[in-house]
């Protein structure tokens, strides 16, 4: 079983972690807060150029924006493994 956070969830989480408005976040990518809103509600996905600008600004990899933070992926993987072990015990 693979659990994956969507790009929209990852962007919303990243923005919230840094206490930024959609307008502030959009300026980093050279776009408007309206564009960020469409990403967060899943209507549209950001282009790779915008993802790169965000990754550079926050000093993270593009894959952390696209796939989710490494820590979350590790936590989810560990949780799934623990659940499977408990079921088979």
N, C-alpha and C. Protein backbone atom coordinates (compact mmCIF):
# COMPACT_ATOMS: atom_id res chain seq x y z
N UNK A 1 0.84 -1.18 0.00
CA UNK A 1 0.00 0.00 0.00
C UNK A 1 0.89 1.24 0.00
N UNK A 2 0.64 2.14 -0.91
CA UNK A 2 1.40 3.38 -0.98
C UNK A 2 0.46 4.53 -0.69
N UNK A 3 0.85 5.35 0.27
CA UNK A 3 0.07 6.56 0.58
C UNK A 3 0.90 7.74 0.11
N UNK A 4 0.30 8.57 -0.70
CA UNK A 4 1.02 9.70 -1.27
C UNK A 4 0.24 10.98 -1.03
N UNK A 5 0.92 11.99 -0.55
CA UNK A 5 0.27 13.29 -0.44
C UNK A 5 0.28 13.92 -1.82
N UNK A 6 -0.77 14.63 -2.13
CA UNK A 6 -0.83 15.27 -3.43
C UNK A 6 -0.01 16.55 -3.42
N UNK A 7 0.31 17.03 -4.61
CA UNK A 7 1.05 18.29 -4.73
C UNK A 7 0.27 19.40 -4.03
N UNK A 8 -1.05 19.40 -4.19
CA UNK A 8 -1.84 20.46 -3.57
C UNK A 8 -1.69 20.44 -2.05
N UNK A 9 -1.72 19.25 -1.46
CA UNK A 9 -1.54 19.14 -0.01
C UNK A 9 -0.13 19.57 0.41
N UNK A 10 0.85 19.19 -0.38
CA UNK A 10 2.24 19.54 -0.07
C UNK A 10 2.46 21.05 -0.11
N UNK A 11 1.89 21.69 -1.10
CA UNK A 11 2.04 23.15 -1.24
C UNK A 11 1.33 23.86 -0.09
N UNK A 12 0.13 23.42 0.21
CA UNK A 12 -0.62 24.04 1.30
C UNK A 12 0.13 23.87 2.62
N UNK A 13 0.67 22.69 2.85
CA UNK A 13 1.43 22.41 4.07
C UNK A 13 2.69 23.26 4.14
N UNK A 14 3.43 23.36 3.05
CA UNK A 14 4.66 24.16 3.01
C UNK A 14 4.35 25.62 3.30
N UNK A 15 3.31 26.13 2.69
CA UNK A 15 2.92 27.53 2.91
C UNK A 15 2.53 27.76 4.36
N UNK A 16 1.75 26.83 4.92
CA UNK A 16 1.30 26.97 6.31
C UNK A 16 2.47 26.89 7.29
N UNK A 17 3.42 26.00 7.01
CA UNK A 17 4.60 25.86 7.88
C UNK A 17 5.37 27.16 7.99
N UNK A 18 5.34 27.96 6.96
CA UNK A 18 6.08 29.21 6.93
C UNK A 18 5.20 30.42 7.21
N UNK A 19 3.94 30.17 7.56
CA UNK A 19 3.02 31.24 7.94
C UNK A 19 2.85 32.30 6.87
N UNK A 20 2.78 31.86 5.62
CA UNK A 20 2.68 32.79 4.51
C UNK A 20 1.26 32.83 3.94
N UNK A 21 0.88 33.98 3.43
CA UNK A 21 -0.38 34.10 2.71
C UNK A 21 -0.18 33.51 1.30
N UNK A 22 -1.27 33.28 0.62
CA UNK A 22 -1.16 32.79 -0.76
C UNK A 22 -0.45 33.82 -1.64
N UNK A 23 -0.70 35.10 -1.39
CA UNK A 23 -0.04 36.15 -2.16
C UNK A 23 1.48 36.14 -1.94
N UNK A 24 1.90 36.03 -0.68
CA UNK A 24 3.34 36.00 -0.37
C UNK A 24 4.00 34.78 -1.01
N UNK A 25 3.32 33.65 -0.91
CA UNK A 25 3.85 32.40 -1.46
C UNK A 25 3.95 32.50 -2.99
N UNK A 26 2.91 33.06 -3.60
CA UNK A 26 2.90 33.20 -5.06
C UNK A 26 4.02 34.09 -5.57
N UNK A 27 4.34 35.15 -4.83
CA UNK A 27 5.41 36.06 -5.25
C UNK A 27 6.75 35.35 -5.37
N UNK A 28 6.97 34.36 -4.53
CA UNK A 28 8.22 33.59 -4.60
C UNK A 28 8.35 32.92 -5.96
N UNK A 29 7.22 32.42 -6.46
CA UNK A 29 7.21 31.73 -7.75
C UNK A 29 6.96 32.68 -8.91
N UNK A 30 6.83 33.97 -8.61
CA UNK A 30 6.57 34.95 -9.66
C UNK A 30 5.13 34.92 -10.14
N UNK A 31 4.23 34.49 -9.27
CA UNK A 31 2.82 34.36 -9.64
C UNK A 31 1.94 35.04 -8.60
N UNK A 32 0.65 34.93 -8.78
CA UNK A 32 -0.31 35.56 -7.87
C UNK A 32 -0.79 34.56 -6.81
N UNK A 33 -1.44 35.11 -5.80
CA UNK A 33 -2.07 34.28 -4.80
C UNK A 33 -3.19 33.43 -5.39
N UNK A 34 -3.82 33.95 -6.43
CA UNK A 34 -4.88 33.20 -7.13
C UNK A 34 -4.32 31.91 -7.73
N UNK A 35 -3.12 31.99 -8.29
CA UNK A 35 -2.48 30.79 -8.84
C UNK A 35 -2.23 29.77 -7.73
N UNK A 36 -1.75 30.25 -6.59
CA UNK A 36 -1.51 29.35 -5.46
C UNK A 36 -2.82 28.71 -5.01
N UNK A 37 -3.88 29.48 -5.01
CA UNK A 37 -5.20 28.95 -4.64
C UNK A 37 -5.61 27.80 -5.56
N UNK A 38 -5.36 27.95 -6.85
CA UNK A 38 -5.73 26.87 -7.80
C UNK A 38 -4.88 25.63 -7.57
N UNK A 39 -3.62 25.83 -7.14
CA UNK A 39 -2.77 24.66 -6.81
C UNK A 39 -3.31 23.96 -5.58
N UNK A 40 -3.64 24.75 -4.56
CA UNK A 40 -4.05 24.18 -3.30
C UNK A 40 -5.41 23.49 -3.37
N UNK A 41 -6.29 23.95 -4.23
CA UNK A 41 -7.59 23.29 -4.34
C UNK A 41 -7.59 22.20 -5.41
N UNK A 42 -6.44 21.99 -6.04
CA UNK A 42 -6.29 20.90 -7.00
C UNK A 42 -6.82 21.19 -8.38
N UNK A 43 -7.23 22.43 -8.65
CA UNK A 43 -7.74 22.78 -9.97
C UNK A 43 -6.63 22.73 -11.01
N UNK A 44 -5.45 23.21 -10.62
CA UNK A 44 -4.28 23.20 -11.51
C UNK A 44 -3.06 22.76 -10.72
N UNK A 45 -2.04 22.33 -11.44
CA UNK A 45 -0.76 22.00 -10.81
C UNK A 45 0.28 23.01 -11.27
N UNK A 46 1.22 23.32 -10.40
CA UNK A 46 2.25 24.29 -10.79
C UNK A 46 3.17 23.73 -11.86
N UNK A 47 3.70 24.62 -12.68
CA UNK A 47 4.69 24.22 -13.68
C UNK A 47 6.01 23.96 -12.97
N UNK A 48 6.87 23.21 -13.62
CA UNK A 48 8.15 22.86 -13.01
C UNK A 48 9.00 24.08 -12.68
N UNK A 49 8.89 25.13 -13.48
CA UNK A 49 9.64 26.35 -13.20
C UNK A 49 9.23 26.97 -11.86
N UNK A 50 7.94 26.96 -11.57
CA UNK A 50 7.44 27.48 -10.29
C UNK A 50 7.88 26.59 -9.15
N UNK A 51 7.82 25.28 -9.36
CA UNK A 51 8.26 24.33 -8.33
C UNK A 51 9.74 24.55 -8.03
N UNK A 52 10.54 24.77 -9.07
CA UNK A 52 11.98 24.99 -8.88
C UNK A 52 12.23 26.26 -8.06
N UNK A 53 11.50 27.33 -8.37
CA UNK A 53 11.67 28.58 -7.62
C UNK A 53 11.33 28.38 -6.15
N UNK A 54 10.25 27.66 -5.89
CA UNK A 54 9.86 27.38 -4.50
C UNK A 54 10.90 26.52 -3.80
N UNK A 55 11.36 25.48 -4.49
CA UNK A 55 12.39 24.60 -3.91
C UNK A 55 13.66 25.37 -3.58
N UNK A 56 14.08 26.23 -4.49
CA UNK A 56 15.28 27.04 -4.26
C UNK A 56 15.08 27.97 -3.06
N UNK A 57 13.94 28.60 -2.99
CA UNK A 57 13.66 29.57 -1.92
C UNK A 57 13.65 28.89 -0.55
N UNK A 58 13.02 27.71 -0.46
CA UNK A 58 12.90 27.01 0.81
C UNK A 58 14.02 26.01 1.07
N UNK A 59 14.96 25.92 0.14
CA UNK A 59 16.12 25.02 0.27
C UNK A 59 15.68 23.56 0.47
N UNK A 60 14.77 23.15 -0.40
CA UNK A 60 14.30 21.76 -0.40
C UNK A 60 14.37 21.25 -1.83
N UNK A 61 14.17 19.96 -2.00
CA UNK A 61 14.20 19.40 -3.34
C UNK A 61 12.83 19.55 -4.01
N UNK A 62 12.83 19.53 -5.32
CA UNK A 62 11.56 19.58 -6.05
C UNK A 62 10.69 18.39 -5.68
N UNK A 63 11.32 17.23 -5.47
CA UNK A 63 10.53 16.04 -5.14
C UNK A 63 9.80 16.18 -3.81
N UNK A 64 10.33 16.99 -2.89
CA UNK A 64 9.63 17.20 -1.63
C UNK A 64 8.33 17.98 -1.85
N UNK A 65 8.31 18.82 -2.85
CA UNK A 65 7.07 19.55 -3.17
C UNK A 65 6.13 18.63 -3.95
N UNK A 66 6.68 17.88 -4.86
CA UNK A 66 5.85 17.02 -5.70
C UNK A 66 5.35 15.79 -4.94
N UNK A 67 6.24 15.14 -4.19
CA UNK A 67 5.90 13.87 -3.54
C UNK A 67 5.64 14.00 -2.05
N UNK A 68 6.13 15.05 -1.44
CA UNK A 68 5.98 15.23 0.00
C UNK A 68 7.32 15.17 0.70
N UNK A 69 7.38 15.74 1.89
CA UNK A 69 8.62 15.75 2.65
C UNK A 69 9.12 14.35 2.99
N UNK A 70 10.41 14.18 3.00
CA UNK A 70 11.02 12.89 3.28
C UNK A 70 10.57 12.37 4.65
N UNK A 71 10.49 13.24 5.64
CA UNK A 71 10.10 12.81 6.99
C UNK A 71 8.71 12.21 7.00
N UNK A 72 7.79 12.81 6.26
CA UNK A 72 6.43 12.30 6.20
C UNK A 72 6.41 10.94 5.51
N UNK A 73 7.15 10.81 4.42
CA UNK A 73 7.19 9.53 3.72
C UNK A 73 7.75 8.43 4.62
N UNK A 74 8.81 8.75 5.38
CA UNK A 74 9.39 7.77 6.30
C UNK A 74 8.38 7.38 7.38
N UNK A 75 7.69 8.38 7.94
CA UNK A 75 6.69 8.12 8.96
C UNK A 75 5.58 7.22 8.43
N UNK A 76 5.07 7.52 7.25
CA UNK A 76 3.99 6.73 6.67
C UNK A 76 4.44 5.31 6.39
N UNK A 77 5.64 5.16 5.84
CA UNK A 77 6.18 3.83 5.56
C UNK A 77 6.32 3.03 6.85
N UNK A 78 6.84 3.65 7.90
CA UNK A 78 7.00 2.96 9.18
C UNK A 78 5.65 2.57 9.76
N UNK A 79 4.69 3.46 9.66
CA UNK A 79 3.34 3.18 10.17
C UNK A 79 2.73 1.98 9.44
N UNK A 80 2.84 1.96 8.14
CA UNK A 80 2.29 0.85 7.35
C UNK A 80 2.97 -0.46 7.71
N UNK A 81 4.29 -0.41 7.83
CA UNK A 81 5.03 -1.63 8.20
C UNK A 81 4.61 -2.14 9.58
N UNK A 82 4.46 -1.22 10.53
CA UNK A 82 4.03 -1.61 11.88
C UNK A 82 2.63 -2.22 11.87
N UNK A 83 1.73 -1.61 11.10
CA UNK A 83 0.36 -2.12 11.00
C UNK A 83 0.35 -3.54 10.40
N UNK A 84 1.15 -3.75 9.37
CA UNK A 84 1.20 -5.06 8.73
C UNK A 84 1.77 -6.11 9.67
N UNK A 85 2.78 -5.74 10.44
CA UNK A 85 3.36 -6.68 11.41
C UNK A 85 2.33 -7.06 12.46
N UNK A 86 1.56 -6.08 12.93
CA UNK A 86 0.55 -6.36 13.96
C UNK A 86 -0.54 -7.27 13.44
N UNK A 87 -0.93 -7.12 12.19
CA UNK A 87 -1.97 -7.96 11.61
C UNK A 87 -1.51 -9.39 11.43
N UNK A 88 -0.22 -9.56 11.17
CA UNK A 88 0.30 -10.91 10.89
C UNK A 88 0.88 -11.56 12.14
N UNK A 89 0.72 -10.93 13.27
CA UNK A 89 1.25 -11.51 14.52
C UNK A 89 0.24 -12.45 15.15
